[in-house]
Structure formats: C-alpha cells, structure tokens
C-alpha cells in the first residue's frame, strides 16, 4: 500500500501537542536548513535536540546535540529528519528503538520502505515530504 500523509488536521495536532523535537541530521552550519529549522522550532517554544554522530556531546547555537536518537534524554514527540531519502529506513530503525511519537521526513524526503517498516511495528504517526516550517505557518 502506497504511503499517504495524515490529514492536515492531524498534522496540526502533532504540532500543537508536541513539546520535544529531535532534529536528525542537525548541522552546526547556520546556512544549512536543518540548523535554521531547529532554531525556528526553538524560537517557537519547543525543546529541541540535535542528532548528529559527528557533533554528539556538543552544544551548538544553544541546542544540545546527541550522537543517536536513543541518547536524547527525554521523550521525543517529533523526530524531524534531514537525511537523504535513502537513509530513512536506517533512521526508522533507530526511531523504533525509542518511544518517539511522530516520524517526520522534511520536504523532498520520503521512503516507502521506511513507512512500511514503521507501520508493521504499529507506528502509524508518519509525515513525509512536508516542511515543518511551512506546516507551522499554515496554523497561524
């Protein structure tokens, strides 16, 4: 079955109820989208953690960075992913090792294999190929 994103109302519900967001593929480079979105989410009042094995253990621009999702010290509401589509199944595997609620792949990113892997484990809260910044702006 081909993956379909949840309704717009459900996406708004994810954003409205979330408190903690982990940004997978977080970059220390302020010119990178992952860095900019993480800062925007922080400014919106979310608790934001970066996930990047190369930066794990550092704090970058006020955001604590971990080497893996499983190292994030509190329950994650949304995992916002900035990794190429071919890496999404790998991220989905790591996601399944956590209690994270929503698997969110940024605009331009999708993987049927990752969606199927998550759905087979009963994890149905999946958003792909959508920009969290654009979705936040739609609420306003």
N, C-alpha and C. Protein backbone atom coordinates (compact mmCIF):
# COMPACT_ATOMS: atom_id res chain seq x y z
N UNK A 1 0.84 -1.18 0.00
CA UNK A 1 0.00 0.00 0.00
C UNK A 1 0.89 1.25 0.00
N UNK A 2 0.61 2.14 -0.91
CA UNK A 2 1.40 3.37 -1.05
C UNK A 2 1.18 4.28 0.16
N UNK A 3 2.26 4.81 0.69
CA UNK A 3 2.18 5.69 1.85
C UNK A 3 1.43 6.97 1.52
N UNK A 4 0.59 7.42 2.44
CA UNK A 4 -0.08 8.72 2.33
C UNK A 4 0.08 9.46 3.64
N UNK A 5 0.32 10.75 3.56
CA UNK A 5 0.43 11.57 4.76
C UNK A 5 -0.92 11.65 5.47
N UNK A 6 -0.88 11.91 6.77
CA UNK A 6 -2.13 12.11 7.50
C UNK A 6 -2.81 13.40 7.05
N UNK A 7 -4.04 13.59 7.52
CA UNK A 7 -4.80 14.80 7.18
C UNK A 7 -4.09 16.05 7.71
N UNK A 8 -4.46 17.19 7.15
CA UNK A 8 -3.91 18.46 7.62
C UNK A 8 -4.24 18.66 9.09
N UNK A 9 -5.44 18.27 9.50
CA UNK A 9 -5.85 18.42 10.90
C UNK A 9 -4.95 17.60 11.82
N UNK A 10 -4.61 16.38 11.38
CA UNK A 10 -3.75 15.51 12.19
C UNK A 10 -2.35 16.11 12.29
N UNK A 11 -1.85 16.66 11.20
CA UNK A 11 -0.52 17.31 11.22
C UNK A 11 -0.53 18.48 12.20
N UNK A 12 -1.59 19.28 12.18
CA UNK A 12 -1.70 20.38 13.15
C UNK A 12 -1.73 19.84 14.57
N UNK A 13 -2.42 18.72 14.79
CA UNK A 13 -2.49 18.11 16.11
C UNK A 13 -1.08 17.71 16.58
N UNK A 14 -0.29 17.11 15.67
CA UNK A 14 1.09 16.75 16.03
C UNK A 14 1.85 17.99 16.50
N UNK A 15 1.74 19.07 15.74
CA UNK A 15 2.48 20.29 16.06
C UNK A 15 1.97 20.95 17.35
N UNK A 16 0.66 20.89 17.56
CA UNK A 16 0.07 21.54 18.74
C UNK A 16 0.35 20.79 20.03
N UNK A 17 0.48 19.47 19.97
CA UNK A 17 0.69 18.69 21.19
C UNK A 17 2.17 18.42 21.48
N UNK A 18 3.02 18.61 20.48
CA UNK A 18 4.45 18.33 20.66
C UNK A 18 5.10 19.34 21.60
N UNK A 19 6.04 18.83 22.38
CA UNK A 19 6.85 19.70 23.24
C UNK A 19 8.34 19.51 22.93
N UNK A 20 8.73 18.27 22.57
CA UNK A 20 10.14 17.93 22.34
C UNK A 20 10.32 17.46 20.90
N UNK A 21 11.25 18.09 20.20
CA UNK A 21 11.54 17.72 18.81
C UNK A 21 13.03 17.42 18.68
N UNK A 22 13.33 16.27 18.10
CA UNK A 22 14.72 15.91 17.80
C UNK A 22 14.95 16.11 16.31
N UNK A 23 15.98 16.86 15.96
CA UNK A 23 16.31 17.14 14.57
C UNK A 23 17.46 16.23 14.14
N UNK A 24 17.13 15.21 13.35
CA UNK A 24 18.12 14.25 12.88
C UNK A 24 18.80 14.82 11.64
N UNK A 25 20.12 14.86 11.68
CA UNK A 25 20.88 15.48 10.60
C UNK A 25 21.14 16.95 10.88
N UNK A 26 21.04 17.33 12.15
CA UNK A 26 21.30 18.70 12.57
C UNK A 26 22.71 19.12 12.18
N UNK A 27 22.84 20.33 11.66
CA UNK A 27 24.15 20.85 11.24
C UNK A 27 24.54 22.06 12.08
N UNK A 28 25.84 22.17 12.33
CA UNK A 28 26.35 23.35 13.04
C UNK A 28 26.45 24.56 12.11
N UNK A 29 26.29 24.33 10.81
CA UNK A 29 26.40 25.39 9.80
C UNK A 29 25.09 26.18 9.75
N UNK A 30 25.13 27.48 10.13
CA UNK A 30 23.90 28.28 10.16
C UNK A 30 23.26 28.47 8.78
N UNK A 31 23.99 28.15 7.71
CA UNK A 31 23.42 28.26 6.36
C UNK A 31 22.60 27.03 5.98
N UNK A 32 22.72 25.95 6.75
CA UNK A 32 22.01 24.71 6.43
C UNK A 32 20.57 24.77 6.96
N UNK A 33 19.67 24.19 6.18
CA UNK A 33 18.26 24.20 6.54
C UNK A 33 18.00 23.55 7.89
N UNK A 34 18.68 22.45 8.19
CA UNK A 34 18.44 21.76 9.46
C UNK A 34 18.75 22.67 10.65
N UNK A 35 19.81 23.46 10.52
CA UNK A 35 20.19 24.41 11.58
C UNK A 35 19.10 25.49 11.72
N UNK A 36 18.68 26.03 10.59
CA UNK A 36 17.69 27.11 10.60
C UNK A 36 16.35 26.65 11.15
N UNK A 37 15.92 25.45 10.75
CA UNK A 37 14.64 24.93 11.24
C UNK A 37 14.72 24.63 12.74
N UNK A 38 15.84 24.08 13.19
CA UNK A 38 16.00 23.81 14.62
C UNK A 38 15.89 25.11 15.42
N UNK A 39 16.51 26.16 14.93
CA UNK A 39 16.43 27.46 15.62
C UNK A 39 14.99 27.99 15.62
N UNK A 40 14.31 27.85 14.49
CA UNK A 40 12.92 28.29 14.39
C UNK A 40 12.05 27.52 15.40
N UNK A 41 12.24 26.21 15.47
CA UNK A 41 11.46 25.39 16.41
C UNK A 41 11.74 25.81 17.85
N UNK A 42 13.01 26.08 18.14
CA UNK A 42 13.38 26.54 19.48
C UNK A 42 12.69 27.88 19.78
N UNK A 43 12.71 28.78 18.80
CA UNK A 43 12.07 30.09 18.96
C UNK A 43 10.55 29.96 19.13
N UNK A 44 9.97 28.89 18.56
CA UNK A 44 8.53 28.64 18.69
C UNK A 44 8.18 28.07 20.06
N UNK A 45 9.21 27.76 20.87
CA UNK A 45 8.95 27.28 22.22
C UNK A 45 9.11 25.78 22.42
N UNK A 46 9.48 25.07 21.37
CA UNK A 46 9.72 23.63 21.54
C UNK A 46 11.07 23.41 22.20
N UNK A 47 11.22 22.30 22.91
CA UNK A 47 12.53 21.84 23.37
C UNK A 47 13.12 21.09 22.19
N UNK A 48 14.30 21.52 21.75
CA UNK A 48 14.90 20.96 20.53
C UNK A 48 16.25 20.32 20.86
N UNK A 49 16.45 19.12 20.35
CA UNK A 49 17.73 18.43 20.44
C UNK A 49 18.21 18.13 19.02
N UNK A 50 19.51 18.27 18.81
CA UNK A 50 20.09 17.86 17.55
C UNK A 50 20.56 16.42 17.64
N UNK A 51 20.53 15.72 16.52
CA UNK A 51 21.06 14.37 16.45
C UNK A 51 22.01 14.31 15.26
N UNK A 52 23.30 14.12 15.59
CA UNK A 52 24.33 14.04 14.56
C UNK A 52 25.55 13.37 15.20
N UNK A 53 25.94 12.19 14.69
CA UNK A 53 27.06 11.46 15.31
C UNK A 53 28.36 12.26 15.36
N UNK A 54 28.56 13.17 14.40
CA UNK A 54 29.80 13.95 14.37
C UNK A 54 29.81 15.07 15.41
N UNK A 55 28.62 15.47 15.87
CA UNK A 55 28.52 16.60 16.81
C UNK A 55 28.06 16.16 18.20
N UNK A 56 27.82 14.86 18.39
CA UNK A 56 27.32 14.36 19.66
C UNK A 56 28.16 14.83 20.84
N UNK A 57 27.49 15.27 21.90
CA UNK A 57 28.17 15.75 23.09
C UNK A 57 28.42 17.25 23.08
N UNK A 58 28.15 17.89 21.97
CA UNK A 58 28.36 19.34 21.88
C UNK A 58 27.04 20.08 22.06
N UNK A 59 27.15 21.35 22.34
CA UNK A 59 26.00 22.25 22.30
C UNK A 59 26.31 23.26 21.21
N UNK A 60 25.43 23.33 20.22
CA UNK A 60 25.64 24.20 19.06
C UNK A 60 24.48 25.19 18.99
N UNK A 61 24.80 26.47 19.05
CA UNK A 61 23.79 27.54 18.98
C UNK A 61 22.68 27.30 20.00
N UNK A 62 23.08 26.85 21.20
CA UNK A 62 22.13 26.64 22.28
C UNK A 62 21.33 25.35 22.19
N UNK A 63 21.68 24.49 21.23
CA UNK A 63 20.98 23.22 21.06
C UNK A 63 21.92 22.09 21.41
N UNK A 64 21.49 21.25 22.37
CA UNK A 64 22.29 20.11 22.79
C UNK A 64 22.21 19.04 21.69
N UNK A 65 23.36 18.49 21.31
CA UNK A 65 23.42 17.52 20.21
C UNK A 65 23.85 16.16 20.74
N UNK A 66 23.16 15.12 20.25
CA UNK A 66 23.46 13.74 20.62
C UNK A 66 23.87 12.94 19.39
N UNK A 67 24.62 11.89 19.63
CA UNK A 67 25.10 11.06 18.53
C UNK A 67 24.04 10.14 17.94
N UNK A 68 22.99 9.86 18.71
CA UNK A 68 21.93 8.96 18.25
C UNK A 68 20.60 9.35 18.90
N UNK A 69 19.51 9.02 18.26
CA UNK A 69 18.18 9.30 18.81
C UNK A 69 18.00 8.70 20.20
N UNK A 70 18.52 7.49 20.37
CA UNK A 70 18.33 6.79 21.64
C UNK A 70 19.05 7.48 22.80
N UNK A 71 19.93 8.42 22.52
CA UNK A 71 20.65 9.15 23.58
C UNK A 71 19.91 10.39 24.07
N UNK A 72 18.89 10.82 23.34
CA UNK A 72 18.13 12.01 23.75
C UNK A 72 17.50 11.72 25.11
N UNK A 73 17.70 12.62 26.10
CA UNK A 73 17.38 12.31 27.49
C UNK A 73 15.91 12.40 27.90
N UNK A 74 15.03 12.73 26.99
CA UNK A 74 13.61 12.76 27.35
C UNK A 74 12.76 12.26 26.19
N UNK A 75 11.49 12.03 26.47
CA UNK A 75 10.58 11.51 25.45
C UNK A 75 10.48 12.49 24.28
N UNK A 76 10.57 11.95 23.08
CA UNK A 76 10.55 12.78 21.87
C UNK A 76 9.15 12.72 21.27
N UNK A 77 8.60 13.89 20.98
CA UNK A 77 7.28 13.95 20.35
C UNK A 77 7.39 13.86 18.83
N UNK A 78 8.32 14.61 18.24
CA UNK A 78 8.52 14.59 16.79
C UNK A 78 10.00 14.40 16.49
N UNK A 79 10.29 13.46 15.59
CA UNK A 79 11.64 13.29 15.07
C UNK A 79 11.61 13.93 13.68
N UNK A 80 12.25 15.08 13.54
CA UNK A 80 12.27 15.84 12.29
C UNK A 80 13.56 15.50 11.55
N UNK A 81 13.42 14.88 10.38
CA UNK A 81 14.58 14.25 9.73
C UNK A 81 15.07 15.04 8.53
N UNK A 82 16.37 15.33 8.56
CA UNK A 82 17.08 16.00 7.47
C UNK A 82 18.19 15.06 6.97
N UNK A 83 17.83 13.88 6.56
CA UNK A 83 18.77 12.93 5.96
C UNK A 83 18.18 12.53 4.62
N UNK A 84 19.02 12.25 3.64
CA UNK A 84 18.53 11.88 2.31
C UNK A 84 17.59 10.67 2.40
N UNK A 85 16.69 10.59 1.44
CA UNK A 85 15.66 9.55 1.43
C UNK A 85 16.22 8.15 1.59
N UNK A 86 17.38 7.87 0.99
CA UNK A 86 17.93 6.51 1.08
C UNK A 86 18.33 6.14 2.50
N UNK A 87 18.47 7.13 3.39
CA UNK A 87 18.82 6.86 4.79
C UNK A 87 17.58 6.75 5.70
N UNK A 88 16.40 7.00 5.17
CA UNK A 88 15.21 6.98 6.02
C UNK A 88 14.93 5.61 6.64
N UNK A 89 15.14 4.48 5.93
CA UNK A 89 14.94 3.19 6.62
C UNK A 89 15.88 3.03 7.82
N UNK A 90 17.10 3.49 7.69
CA UNK A 90 18.06 3.43 8.81
C UNK A 90 17.57 4.30 9.97
N UNK A 91 17.05 5.48 9.67
CA UNK A 91 16.51 6.36 10.72
C UNK A 91 15.27 5.71 11.34
N UNK A 92 14.45 5.06 10.51
CA UNK A 92 13.26 4.39 11.02
C UNK A 92 13.64 3.28 12.00
N UNK A 93 14.70 2.54 11.70
CA UNK A 93 15.18 1.50 12.63
C UNK A 93 15.54 2.11 13.98
N UNK A 94 16.25 3.24 13.94
CA UNK A 94 16.64 3.89 15.18
C UNK A 94 15.41 4.46 15.90
N UNK A 95 14.48 5.00 15.13
CA UNK A 95 13.23 5.53 15.68
C UNK A 95 12.49 4.45 16.47
N UNK A 96 12.45 3.24 15.92
CA UNK A 96 11.74 2.14 16.56
C UNK A 96 12.36 1.72 17.89
N UNK A 97 13.60 2.10 18.14
CA UNK A 97 14.26 1.79 19.41
C UNK A 97 13.93 2.81 20.49
N UNK A 98 13.12 3.80 20.14
CA UNK A 98 12.76 4.86 21.08
C UNK A 98 11.24 4.86 21.28
N UNK A 99 10.79 5.73 22.17
CA UNK A 99 9.35 5.93 22.36
C UNK A 99 8.87 7.16 21.61
N UNK A 100 9.65 7.62 20.65
CA UNK A 100 9.27 8.82 19.89
C UNK A 100 7.91 8.59 19.23
N UNK A 101 7.15 9.67 19.11
CA UNK A 101 5.78 9.54 18.63
C UNK A 101 5.63 9.72 17.13
N UNK A 102 6.23 10.78 16.55
CA UNK A 102 5.99 11.10 15.14
C UNK A 102 7.30 11.06 14.36
N UNK A 103 7.29 10.33 13.26
CA UNK A 103 8.41 10.23 12.32
C UNK A 103 8.11 11.23 11.21
N UNK A 104 8.93 12.29 11.11
CA UNK A 104 8.65 13.38 10.16
C UNK A 104 9.86 13.59 9.26
N UNK A 105 9.71 13.27 7.98
CA UNK A 105 10.77 13.50 7.00
C UNK A 105 10.48 14.80 6.25
N UNK A 106 11.47 15.66 6.21
CA UNK A 106 11.31 17.00 5.64
C UNK A 106 10.95 16.98 4.15
N UNK A 107 10.61 18.15 3.65
CA UNK A 107 10.21 18.35 2.26
C UNK A 107 11.22 17.72 1.31
N UNK A 108 10.73 16.95 0.36
CA UNK A 108 11.60 16.30 -0.63
C UNK A 108 12.09 14.93 -0.20
N UNK A 109 11.78 14.52 1.04
CA UNK A 109 12.26 13.24 1.56
C UNK A 109 11.10 12.27 1.78
N UNK A 110 11.26 11.06 1.26
CA UNK A 110 10.26 10.03 1.51
C UNK A 110 10.86 8.66 1.25
N UNK A 111 10.27 7.64 1.87
CA UNK A 111 10.73 6.27 1.69
C UNK A 111 9.58 5.32 2.00
N UNK A 112 9.12 4.63 0.98
CA UNK A 112 8.07 3.63 1.17
C UNK A 112 8.56 2.54 2.13
N UNK A 113 9.83 2.14 1.99
CA UNK A 113 10.39 1.09 2.85
C UNK A 113 10.37 1.51 4.31
N UNK A 114 10.73 2.76 4.60
CA UNK A 114 10.70 3.26 5.97
C UNK A 114 9.26 3.27 6.50
N UNK A 115 8.32 3.73 5.68
CA UNK A 115 6.92 3.78 6.10
C UNK A 115 6.41 2.38 6.43
N UNK A 116 6.71 1.42 5.57
CA UNK A 116 6.25 0.05 5.80
C UNK A 116 6.87 -0.54 7.07
N UNK A 117 8.16 -0.26 7.29
CA UNK A 117 8.84 -0.76 8.48
C UNK A 117 8.16 -0.22 9.74
N UNK A 118 7.84 1.06 9.75
CA UNK A 118 7.19 1.68 10.90
C UNK A 118 5.78 1.14 11.09
N UNK A 119 5.02 1.06 9.99
CA UNK A 119 3.63 0.60 10.07
C UNK A 119 3.56 -0.85 10.55
N UNK A 120 4.49 -1.69 10.12
CA UNK A 120 4.50 -3.09 10.56
C UNK A 120 4.70 -3.20 12.07
N UNK A 121 5.31 -2.18 12.67
CA UNK A 121 5.52 -2.17 14.12
C UNK A 121 4.43 -1.37 14.84
N UNK A 122 3.37 -1.03 14.11
CA UNK A 122 2.25 -0.31 14.71
C UNK A 122 2.48 1.17 14.90
N UNK A 123 3.53 1.69 14.29
CA UNK A 123 3.84 3.12 14.41
C UNK A 123 3.25 3.83 13.19
N UNK A 124 2.11 4.44 13.37
CA UNK A 124 1.35 5.00 12.26
C UNK A 124 1.48 6.52 12.12
N UNK A 125 2.12 7.17 13.07
CA UNK A 125 2.24 8.63 13.02
C UNK A 125 3.47 8.99 12.20
N UNK A 126 3.25 9.11 10.89
CA UNK A 126 4.33 9.31 9.93
C UNK A 126 3.95 10.48 9.02
N UNK A 127 4.90 11.40 8.84
CA UNK A 127 4.74 12.50 7.89
C UNK A 127 5.98 12.50 7.02
N UNK A 128 5.79 12.58 5.71
CA UNK A 128 6.95 12.63 4.80
C UNK A 128 6.72 13.68 3.73
N UNK A 129 7.84 14.22 3.25
CA UNK A 129 7.83 15.20 2.18
C UNK A 129 7.02 16.44 2.55
N UNK A 130 7.11 16.84 3.82
CA UNK A 130 6.44 18.05 4.29
C UNK A 130 7.43 18.85 5.14
N UNK A 131 7.42 20.16 4.98
CA UNK A 131 8.30 21.04 5.75
C UNK A 131 7.58 21.49 7.02
N UNK A 132 8.21 21.24 8.14
CA UNK A 132 7.61 21.59 9.43
C UNK A 132 7.41 23.11 9.55
N UNK A 133 8.30 23.90 8.96
CA UNK A 133 8.17 25.36 8.99
C UNK A 133 6.92 25.80 8.23
N UNK A 134 6.71 25.22 7.06
CA UNK A 134 5.53 25.56 6.26
C UNK A 134 4.26 25.14 7.00
N UNK A 135 4.29 23.96 7.61
CA UNK A 135 3.12 23.49 8.34
C UNK A 135 2.82 24.37 9.55
N UNK A 136 3.86 24.82 10.24
CA UNK A 136 3.65 25.75 11.36
C UNK A 136 3.03 27.05 10.88
N UNK A 137 3.48 27.55 9.74
CA UNK A 137 2.95 28.81 9.19
C UNK A 137 1.48 28.68 8.80
N UNK A 138 1.07 27.49 8.36
CA UNK A 138 -0.33 27.28 7.96
C UNK A 138 -1.27 27.42 9.15
N UNK A 139 -0.78 27.12 10.36
CA UNK A 139 -1.62 27.20 11.56
C UNK A 139 -1.99 28.63 11.90
N UNK A 140 -1.12 29.54 11.56
CA UNK A 140 -1.27 30.94 12.01
C UNK A 140 -2.44 31.64 11.37
